[in-house]
Amino acid sequence: MTSPDGHLDDEPSVTIRCQDNPSVGVTFCDRFSFDADSVHYAVELRAPGLTARVDEVVAWIWDNDLTTFLEELAADYRGWDGERSWQTDDRDLTVSGVFRSGGYVGLTWTLRPWPQAAGGWDASVTTWLEAGEQMASLAANVGNFLAGEQP
C-alpha cells in the first residue's frame, strides 16, 4: 500500500508498505530543489534489521522519470514476463519490477550511494502491491511528491 503522509514537521512524503509484510517499506521525503531543472529528495528503506537512507537522490526534468516507469507498470496490470528496471542518472536509486500470478507486482528498491567509490554499500527491500489500483495510486503519489504538489 502507498500513502502520501506527513514526515517530520509535516513535510510531504510518500510511504510504500509491502502488502505481505507491512514492516517492509520505502519512504520518499525531504524534497527540495535548487533550480527548475531538478528535484532532490531522500529515500529511506526499512525492513526488520535494516534501515538505510540516501539523502540526495536527484531527478532531472529531462529524464524518463520514476513516475513514468510506475505508470507503465500500473498500465500493464494483466502482467508481463521478466523484470523491468529504472534507475536515476547517478544510479543511486534503482527500482525493479516483476509480476507474479494473482495480480501482484514486486518492486525491489535498491539504494547505492557513491556507486563508483571503493567501500560503497547498497541495500534493497522488496514491496509487493496489487497490480492495478495500488500501483496506479503509487504512481500518482510519487508523481505528486516529485512535482511538489500536496496530495
Protein backbone atom coordinates (compact mmCIF):
# COMPACT_ATOMS: atom_id res chain seq x y z
CA MET A 1 0.00 0.00 0.00
CA THR A 2 1.09 3.55 -0.59
CA SER A 3 0.19 6.67 1.25
CA PRO A 4 1.08 10.30 1.00
CA ASP A 5 1.77 11.34 4.52
CA GLY A 6 3.49 13.98 6.54
CA HIS A 7 7.02 13.05 7.53
CA LEU A 8 8.88 15.08 10.10
CA ASP A 9 7.43 18.56 10.63
CA ASP A 10 4.54 17.77 8.25
CA GLU A 11 6.82 17.86 5.21
CA PRO A 12 5.32 16.00 2.24
CA SER A 13 6.37 12.38 1.91
CA VAL A 14 5.21 9.13 0.34
CA THR A 15 5.47 5.78 2.09
CA ILE A 16 5.18 2.43 0.30
CA ARG A 17 4.45 -0.52 2.57
CA CYS A 18 4.71 -4.12 1.49
CA GLN A 19 1.31 -5.79 1.36
CA ASP A 20 2.81 -9.09 2.53
CA ASN A 21 4.83 -7.58 5.41
CA PRO A 22 3.97 -4.01 6.50
CA SER A 23 7.26 -3.69 8.40
CA VAL A 24 8.99 -3.55 4.99
CA GLY A 25 8.74 -0.16 3.36
CA VAL A 26 10.16 2.73 1.40
CA THR A 27 9.71 6.43 2.14
CA PHE A 28 10.33 9.38 -0.17
CA CYS A 29 10.85 12.54 1.89
CA ASP A 30 12.80 15.79 2.35
CA ARG A 31 12.15 17.09 -1.16
CA PHE A 32 13.96 20.29 -2.23
CA SER A 33 15.04 21.99 -5.43
CA PHE A 34 17.86 24.32 -6.38
CA ASP A 35 16.53 25.18 -9.84
CA ALA A 36 13.82 24.38 -12.38
CA ASP A 37 15.83 21.51 -13.92
CA SER A 38 15.92 19.11 -10.99
CA VAL A 39 14.37 17.95 -7.76
CA HIS A 40 16.33 16.42 -4.89
CA TYR A 41 14.87 14.09 -2.28
CA ALA A 42 15.75 11.46 0.30
CA VAL A 43 14.81 7.78 0.11
CA GLU A 44 14.62 5.58 3.20
CA LEU A 45 14.36 1.78 3.20
CA ARG A 46 13.09 -0.19 6.19
CA ALA A 47 12.83 -3.88 6.95
CA PRO A 48 13.34 -5.95 10.10
CA GLY A 49 17.01 -5.38 10.97
CA LEU A 50 17.56 -2.82 8.19
CA THR A 51 17.36 0.94 7.95
CA ALA A 52 19.09 2.68 5.03
CA ARG A 53 18.85 6.21 3.68
CA VAL A 54 20.27 8.22 0.80
CA ASP A 55 19.85 11.92 1.46
CA GLU A 56 20.15 13.38 -2.01
CA VAL A 57 18.66 11.43 -4.88
CA VAL A 58 18.32 13.70 -7.93
CA ALA A 59 15.57 13.63 -10.55
CA TRP A 60 16.19 15.68 -13.71
CA ILE A 61 13.27 17.07 -15.72
CA TRP A 62 14.57 15.60 -18.99
CA ASP A 63 14.79 12.04 -17.64
CA ASN A 64 12.41 9.18 -18.21
CA ASP A 65 11.33 9.61 -14.65
CA LEU A 66 10.24 7.23 -11.92
CA THR A 67 6.61 8.33 -12.23
CA THR A 68 6.51 7.26 -15.90
CA PHE A 69 8.08 3.90 -15.02
CA LEU A 70 5.49 3.26 -12.28
CA GLU A 71 2.63 4.39 -14.55
CA GLU A 72 3.77 1.91 -17.21
CA LEU A 73 3.82 -0.92 -14.65
CA ALA A 74 0.34 0.09 -13.45
CA ALA A 75 -0.97 0.13 -17.03
CA ASP A 76 0.25 -3.46 -17.52
CA TYR A 77 -1.89 -4.76 -14.65
CA ARG A 78 -2.52 -8.01 -16.55
CA GLY A 79 1.15 -8.85 -16.22
CA TRP A 80 4.41 -9.17 -18.10
CA ASP A 81 7.33 -11.56 -18.37
CA GLY A 82 10.71 -10.92 -16.83
CA GLU A 83 11.96 -7.93 -14.91
CA ARG A 84 11.63 -4.24 -15.76
CA SER A 85 14.04 -1.72 -14.26
CA TRP A 86 14.54 2.01 -13.84
CA GLN A 87 17.39 3.95 -12.25
CA THR A 88 18.46 7.53 -11.64
CA ASP A 89 21.25 9.01 -13.75
CA ASP A 90 23.58 8.73 -10.77
CA ARG A 91 22.47 5.10 -10.21
CA ASP A 92 21.94 5.74 -6.51
CA LEU A 93 18.32 4.55 -6.74
CA THR A 94 17.21 1.57 -8.81
CA VAL A 95 13.70 0.13 -8.95
CA SER A 96 13.00 -3.28 -10.49
CA GLY A 97 9.53 -4.67 -11.03
CA VAL A 98 8.35 -8.25 -11.52
CA PHE A 99 4.83 -9.60 -11.93
CA ARG A 100 3.63 -12.69 -10.11
CA SER A 101 0.49 -14.72 -10.56
CA GLY A 102 -2.53 -13.48 -8.69
CA GLY A 103 -2.04 -9.92 -9.91
CA TYR A 104 0.81 -8.65 -7.73
CA VAL A 105 3.86 -6.55 -8.56
CA GLY A 106 7.09 -6.92 -6.63
CA LEU A 107 9.12 -3.72 -6.59
CA THR A 108 12.72 -4.06 -5.44
CA TRP A 109 14.06 -0.71 -4.28
CA THR A 110 17.88 -0.54 -4.19
CA LEU A 111 19.90 2.31 -2.72
CA ARG A 112 23.53 2.53 -3.79
CA PRO A 113 25.17 5.83 -2.86
CA TRP A 114 28.55 6.57 -4.35
CA PRO A 115 28.38 3.62 -6.79
CA GLN A 116 31.90 4.27 -8.10
CA ALA A 117 33.54 4.68 -4.68
CA ALA A 118 35.58 1.93 -3.08
CA GLY A 119 33.92 0.71 0.08
CA GLY A 120 30.47 1.80 -1.05
CA TRP A 121 27.34 -0.01 0.07
CA ASP A 122 23.94 -0.94 -1.22
CA ALA A 123 20.69 -2.00 0.40
CA SER A 124 17.45 -3.36 -1.06
CA VAL A 125 13.91 -4.11 0.04
CA THR A 126 11.05 -5.59 -1.96
CA THR A 127 7.48 -4.37 -1.63
CA TRP A 128 4.53 -6.31 -3.05
CA LEU A 129 1.49 -4.36 -4.27
CA GLU A 130 -1.68 -5.16 -6.19
CA ALA A 131 -1.02 -4.70 -9.90
CA GLY A 132 -3.94 -2.39 -10.63
CA GLU A 133 -5.22 0.17 -8.16
CA GLN A 134 -2.31 0.09 -5.70
CA MET A 135 0.25 0.55 -8.50
CA ALA A 136 -1.79 3.40 -10.02
CA SER A 137 -2.04 5.05 -6.59
CA LEU A 138 1.73 4.66 -6.07
CA ALA A 139 2.47 6.27 -9.44
CA ALA A 140 0.16 9.21 -8.66
CA ASN A 141 1.54 9.70 -5.14
CA VAL A 142 5.18 9.60 -6.30
CA GLY A 143 4.35 11.95 -9.19
CA ASN A 144 2.71 14.44 -6.83
CA PHE A 145 5.65 14.22 -4.42
CA LEU A 146 8.25 14.82 -7.14
CA ALA A 147 6.21 17.71 -8.58
CA GLY A 148 5.95 19.29 -5.14
CA GLU A 149 2.16 19.02 -5.11
CA GLN A 150 0.22 18.32 -1.93
CA PRO A 151 -1.94 15.19 -2.04
